[in-house]
Amino acid sequence: VDTDLIDFLRAEQIPATLFLNSRWIQTNRSVVDELAGDTLFELANHGTRHLPLSVNGRKAYGIQGTRSVAEALDEVFENHESMARITGVAPRFFRSGTAHYDDVAAQLVRELGEIPVNFDVNGDGGATFSTGQVKAAVGTARPGSIIIAHMNQPNGATAEGLAAALAQLRSQGHV
């Protein structure tokens, strides 16, 4: 858990939607409980196994996608039920692993009562970007942009890069 990132968001009062997958929840249960109690954050569904959401097995970034409607249903709904049970609130949003959906799977998400979400700004390259790269990437955001960044890599430069980009984001009316 990138506590520097969570602390930065809190200190600056920046609301965020945090997409959590089943494995991360199981490994970081006390953190989930803490985040669930913080009104600054909305916890959202990032899948049971963090897979591309497909009904035909399409791969994304070399990761095998769900191979049927039944697998896609399990990928979304198992974590949905788990999050609702743990936090007391059913997640409103879903983002698949690798951010890949096919049309049938996206419709399935909607039918399960969640909104499929993607992003338009890759803020940290899966937590591989340097501070300068994060700042530059986040600097491309426009009003209404959805910036993806990762809180599961504490050794990354995500927090530092977002902090460096804060003045620019505020001048653009984002925060």
Protein backbone atom coordinates (compact mmCIF):
# COMPACT_ATOMS: atom_id res chain seq x y z
CA VAL A 1 0.00 0.00 0.00
CA ASP A 2 1.39 3.37 -1.00
CA THR A 3 0.68 5.16 2.28
CA ASP A 4 2.41 8.27 0.94
CA LEU A 5 -0.23 8.45 -1.79
CA ILE A 6 -3.13 7.93 0.61
CA ASP A 7 -1.66 10.48 3.03
CA PHE A 8 -1.19 13.00 0.18
CA LEU A 9 -4.81 12.61 -0.97
CA ARG A 10 -6.00 13.09 2.60
CA ALA A 11 -3.76 16.08 3.33
CA GLU A 12 -4.91 17.82 0.15
CA GLN A 13 -8.53 16.68 0.57
CA ILE A 14 -8.56 15.13 -2.90
CA PRO A 15 -11.41 12.64 -3.29
CA ALA A 16 -10.58 9.45 -5.14
CA THR A 17 -12.28 6.29 -6.29
CA LEU A 18 -10.12 3.36 -5.25
CA PHE A 19 -10.58 0.20 -7.32
CA LEU A 20 -9.81 -2.88 -5.25
CA ASN A 21 -9.52 -6.47 -6.39
CA SER A 22 -10.22 -9.51 -4.28
CA ARG A 23 -6.59 -10.53 -3.69
CA TRP A 24 -5.62 -7.03 -2.60
CA ILE A 25 -8.58 -6.86 -0.23
CA GLN A 26 -7.64 -10.19 1.36
CA THR A 27 -4.02 -9.14 1.80
CA ASN A 28 -4.81 -5.64 3.08
CA ARG A 29 -7.99 -6.14 5.07
CA SER A 30 -7.16 -3.63 7.83
CA VAL A 31 -6.38 -0.98 5.21
CA VAL A 32 -9.69 -1.72 3.46
CA ASP A 33 -11.54 -1.23 6.73
CA GLU A 34 -9.75 2.09 7.27
CA LEU A 35 -10.40 3.31 3.71
CA ALA A 36 -14.05 2.25 3.87
CA GLY A 37 -14.49 4.53 6.87
CA ASP A 38 -13.03 7.56 5.09
CA THR A 39 -15.65 9.64 3.25
CA LEU A 40 -12.94 11.06 0.98
CA PHE A 41 -12.70 7.72 -0.80
CA GLU A 42 -15.15 5.58 -2.71
CA LEU A 43 -14.23 1.92 -2.89
CA ALA A 44 -14.97 0.30 -6.23
CA ASN A 45 -14.76 -3.15 -7.78
CA HIS A 46 -11.55 -4.13 -9.62
CA GLY A 47 -12.53 -7.75 -10.10
CA THR A 48 -12.02 -11.02 -8.40
CA ARG A 49 -8.85 -12.08 -10.24
CA HIS A 50 -7.93 -8.78 -12.00
CA LEU A 51 -8.63 -10.15 -15.47
CA PRO A 52 -9.55 -8.52 -18.76
CA LEU A 53 -13.35 -8.75 -18.97
CA SER A 54 -14.38 -10.71 -22.04
CA VAL A 55 -16.78 -13.45 -23.01
CA ASN A 56 -14.38 -15.05 -25.47
CA GLY A 57 -11.03 -15.16 -23.64
CA ARG A 58 -9.45 -12.17 -25.36
CA LYS A 59 -6.05 -11.37 -23.88
CA ALA A 60 -4.84 -7.90 -22.94
CA TYR A 61 -1.19 -7.19 -22.12
CA GLY A 62 -0.61 -10.95 -22.34
CA ILE A 63 -3.15 -11.69 -19.61
CA GLN A 64 -5.85 -14.22 -20.46
CA GLY A 65 -9.32 -12.70 -20.26
CA THR A 66 -12.44 -14.32 -18.91
CA ARG A 67 -13.57 -16.95 -21.42
CA SER A 68 -17.36 -16.97 -21.08
CA VAL A 69 -20.33 -15.09 -19.74
CA ALA A 70 -20.14 -17.26 -16.61
CA GLU A 71 -16.46 -16.40 -16.01
CA ALA A 72 -17.13 -12.70 -16.63
CA LEU A 73 -20.03 -12.87 -14.18
CA ASP A 74 -17.78 -14.47 -11.54
CA GLU A 75 -15.03 -11.90 -12.15
CA VAL A 76 -17.42 -9.04 -11.39
CA PHE A 77 -19.93 -10.41 -8.95
CA GLU A 78 -17.76 -12.42 -6.54
CA ASN A 79 -15.79 -9.30 -5.65
CA HIS A 80 -18.97 -7.19 -5.68
CA GLU A 81 -20.54 -9.42 -3.04
CA SER A 82 -17.34 -9.57 -1.00
CA MET A 83 -16.93 -5.78 -1.00
CA ALA A 84 -20.57 -5.26 -0.03
CA ARG A 85 -20.19 -7.72 2.84
CA ILE A 86 -16.90 -6.24 4.09
CA THR A 87 -17.70 -2.54 3.71
CA GLY A 88 -21.48 -2.56 4.07
CA VAL A 89 -21.79 -0.73 0.75
CA ALA A 90 -22.18 -2.31 -2.69
CA PRO A 91 -19.67 -0.87 -5.16
CA ARG A 92 -21.10 1.42 -7.84
CA PHE A 93 -18.20 1.22 -10.30
CA PHE A 94 -16.19 -1.58 -11.93
CA ARG A 95 -12.88 -1.42 -13.76
CA SER A 96 -11.51 -4.63 -15.16
CA GLY A 97 -7.93 -5.74 -14.91
CA THR A 98 -6.00 -4.20 -17.83
CA ALA A 99 -9.03 -1.93 -18.46
CA HIS A 100 -10.21 -4.24 -21.27
CA TYR A 101 -13.90 -4.96 -21.81
CA ASP A 102 -15.76 -6.36 -24.74
CA ASP A 103 -19.28 -5.04 -25.40
CA VAL A 104 -21.07 -8.08 -23.97
CA ALA A 105 -19.01 -8.01 -20.77
CA ALA A 106 -19.53 -4.26 -20.32
CA GLN A 107 -23.28 -4.80 -20.63
CA LEU A 108 -23.05 -7.60 -18.08
CA VAL A 109 -21.42 -5.16 -15.62
CA ARG A 110 -24.35 -2.78 -16.11
CA GLU A 111 -26.88 -5.56 -15.61
CA LEU A 112 -25.16 -6.41 -12.32
CA GLY A 113 -25.77 -2.85 -11.17
CA GLU A 114 -22.30 -1.41 -11.60
CA ILE A 115 -20.99 1.15 -14.06
CA PRO A 116 -18.01 0.04 -16.17
CA VAL A 117 -15.25 2.63 -15.94
CA ASN A 118 -12.08 3.20 -17.89
CA PHE A 119 -9.57 6.06 -17.96
CA ASP A 120 -8.15 8.58 -20.38
CA VAL A 121 -4.91 9.51 -18.59
CA ASN A 122 -2.39 6.86 -17.62
CA GLY A 123 -0.97 8.72 -14.65
CA ASP A 124 1.78 6.37 -13.56
CA GLY A 125 2.28 3.59 -16.10
CA GLY A 126 1.32 0.92 -13.60
CA ALA A 127 3.52 2.63 -11.00
CA THR A 128 6.57 2.37 -13.26
CA PHE A 129 6.88 6.10 -14.10
CA SER A 130 9.39 8.42 -12.47
CA THR A 131 8.21 11.50 -10.58
CA GLY A 132 8.73 13.63 -13.69
CA GLN A 133 6.88 11.17 -15.91
CA VAL A 134 3.92 11.08 -13.50
CA LYS A 135 3.83 14.89 -13.40
CA ALA A 136 3.96 15.10 -17.21
CA ALA A 137 1.31 12.43 -17.73
CA VAL A 138 -1.08 13.89 -15.17
CA GLY A 139 -0.48 17.30 -16.76
CA THR A 140 -2.28 16.11 -19.91
CA ALA A 141 -5.59 15.81 -18.02
CA ARG A 142 -8.52 17.94 -19.13
CA PRO A 143 -11.70 18.77 -17.21
CA GLY A 144 -13.58 15.51 -16.76
CA SER A 145 -10.52 13.31 -17.25
CA ILE A 146 -10.18 10.08 -15.36
CA ILE A 147 -6.59 9.58 -14.24
CA ILE A 148 -5.46 6.08 -13.36
CA ALA A 149 -2.74 5.70 -10.76
CA HIS A 150 -1.74 2.81 -8.55
CA MET A 151 -1.78 2.67 -4.77
CA ASN A 152 -0.54 -0.90 -4.60
CA GLN A 153 3.10 -0.13 -5.37
CA PRO A 154 4.60 1.72 -2.39
CA ASN A 155 8.05 1.93 -3.99
CA GLY A 156 6.75 3.81 -7.04
CA ALA A 157 6.85 7.57 -7.62
CA THR A 158 3.08 8.02 -7.91
CA ALA A 159 2.63 10.11 -4.75
CA GLU A 160 5.61 12.32 -5.51
CA GLY A 161 4.53 12.84 -9.11
CA LEU A 162 0.96 13.72 -8.16
CA ALA A 163 2.24 16.15 -5.54
CA ALA A 164 4.46 17.76 -8.18
CA ALA A 165 1.48 18.06 -10.54
CA LEU A 166 -0.93 19.47 -7.93
CA ALA A 167 -0.46 23.18 -8.70
CA GLN A 168 -0.97 22.53 -12.41
CA LEU A 169 -4.06 20.40 -11.75
CA ARG A 170 -5.55 23.09 -9.53
CA SER A 171 -4.89 25.81 -12.12
CA GLN A 172 -6.81 23.68 -14.63
CA GLY A 173 -9.74 23.37 -12.22
CA HIS A 174 -9.35 19.65 -11.53
CA VAL A 175 -8.89 19.71 -7.79
